Structure formats: structure tokens, C-alpha cells
Amino acid sequence: MIKPHRFRWEVLPNGRFGWKLTCDGELRGTFLFQYFAIRQARKDCNAGAAVSLRSELIIKGRNGQIRAKDSYGGDPSEIAG
């Protein structure tokens, strides 16, 4: 079974100063504060095709470790269990 493509959005440190937003490794923007990068990423993840095709947002801290993960679209409506 072939899995549909999942967009991978990441908020990462941008060198010594600022933050960058990438989607599948492609730079989408740079920001002075992490808050603005996260806000833009959430806005983009909730937009049109990203929701219908599923997307994942990964937020990393200044040390490069994952702080938070969110997924958008394509979640199962019922979980067996």
C-alpha cells in the first residue's frame, strides 16, 4: 500500500540568530523570533492542500532538539481499541 505524501514543516534555529521555516527541506522564510515562525507554520499547515494531503509540524529548540510536534489533516476519525 502506498502512503500519501506528508508535508514536513519544520521551525529550526537559523545559525546564531533567528529562526527559519522549511517545508520538505525547502526554505520558506526566516524570522527574528520563534513565535512568528511557529505562527506562520501553523497558518501554512492549515491552508488548502496541506490539510487535504496531510502535514506535520516539527518545532525544534535552540539546541536542535524537538520541542513539539503537531499533525494536520488525514487523521483517522475512529481509532480501534
Protein backbone atom coordinates (compact mmCIF):
# COMPACT_ATOMS: atom_id res chain seq x y z
CA MET A 1 0.00 0.00 0.00
CA ILE A 2 1.38 3.40 -0.99
CA LYS A 3 1.17 6.07 1.70
CA PRO A 4 0.16 9.57 0.57
CA HIS A 5 2.80 12.30 0.75
CA ARG A 6 3.00 14.09 4.09
CA PHE A 7 4.32 17.65 4.09
CA ARG A 8 7.01 18.08 6.76
CA TRP A 9 7.14 21.64 8.12
CA GLU A 10 9.99 22.47 10.48
CA VAL A 11 10.83 25.50 12.62
CA LEU A 12 14.59 25.43 13.16
CA PRO A 13 17.29 27.69 14.59
CA ASN A 14 18.89 29.82 11.87
CA GLY A 15 22.53 29.99 12.87
CA ARG A 16 23.25 32.18 15.89
CA PHE A 17 20.28 34.49 15.40
CA GLY A 18 16.70 33.98 14.34
CA TRP A 19 14.65 31.08 13.09
CA LYS A 20 13.85 29.51 9.75
CA LEU A 21 10.77 27.77 8.43
CA THR A 22 11.20 24.89 5.99
CA CYS A 23 8.80 22.61 4.16
CA ASP A 24 10.27 19.30 3.00
CA GLY A 25 13.74 20.83 3.36
CA GLU A 26 12.97 23.91 1.24
CA LEU A 27 13.36 27.29 2.96
CA ARG A 28 10.01 29.08 3.29
CA GLY A 29 11.05 32.04 5.43
CA THR A 30 13.30 33.46 8.12
CA PHE A 31 12.14 35.14 11.31
CA LEU A 32 13.75 37.05 14.16
CA PHE A 33 11.57 35.36 16.81
CA GLN A 34 10.48 31.72 17.04
CA TYR A 35 6.91 32.80 17.85
CA PHE A 36 6.48 34.34 14.37
CA ALA A 37 7.97 31.28 12.64
CA ILE A 38 5.56 28.98 14.51
CA ARG A 39 2.60 31.23 13.76
CA GLN A 40 3.40 31.23 10.03
CA ALA A 41 3.97 27.46 10.02
CA ARG A 42 0.59 26.79 11.66
CA LYS A 43 -1.10 29.13 9.21
CA ASP A 44 0.52 27.32 6.25
CA CYS A 45 -0.26 23.85 7.66
CA ASN A 46 -3.95 24.77 7.94
CA ALA A 47 -4.11 26.13 4.39
CA GLY A 48 -5.79 24.34 1.49
CA ALA A 49 -3.80 21.45 0.02
CA ALA A 50 -1.65 20.94 3.11
CA VAL A 51 -4.68 19.82 5.13
CA SER A 52 -6.13 17.52 2.48
CA LEU A 53 -2.70 15.96 1.82
CA ARG A 54 -1.68 15.77 5.49
CA SER A 55 1.11 17.77 7.03
CA GLU A 56 3.29 17.58 10.10
CA LEU A 57 4.80 20.49 12.02
CA ILE A 58 8.01 19.92 13.98
CA ILE A 59 9.24 22.69 16.27
CA LYS A 60 12.86 22.49 17.42
CA GLY A 61 14.52 24.44 20.20
CA ARG A 62 17.75 26.44 20.04
CA ASN A 63 19.67 23.23 20.91
CA GLY A 64 18.14 21.38 17.91
CA GLN A 65 16.02 19.00 19.97
CA ILE A 66 12.32 18.58 19.16
CA ARG A 67 10.13 20.75 21.43
CA ALA A 68 6.76 19.90 19.91
CA LYS A 69 5.06 18.02 17.05
CA ASP A 70 1.64 18.59 15.52
CA SER A 71 -0.15 16.89 12.64
CA TYR A 72 -2.78 18.41 10.39
CA GLY A 73 -5.33 16.66 8.16
CA GLY A 74 -5.66 12.98 7.40
CA ASP A 75 -6.07 11.82 11.00
CA PRO A 76 -8.30 8.75 11.36
CA SER A 77 -11.83 9.51 12.53
CA GLU A 78 -12.01 6.36 14.68
CA ILE A 79 -9.24 4.56 16.49
CA ALA A 80 -9.77 0.87 17.08
CA GLY A 81 -9.01 -0.25 20.56
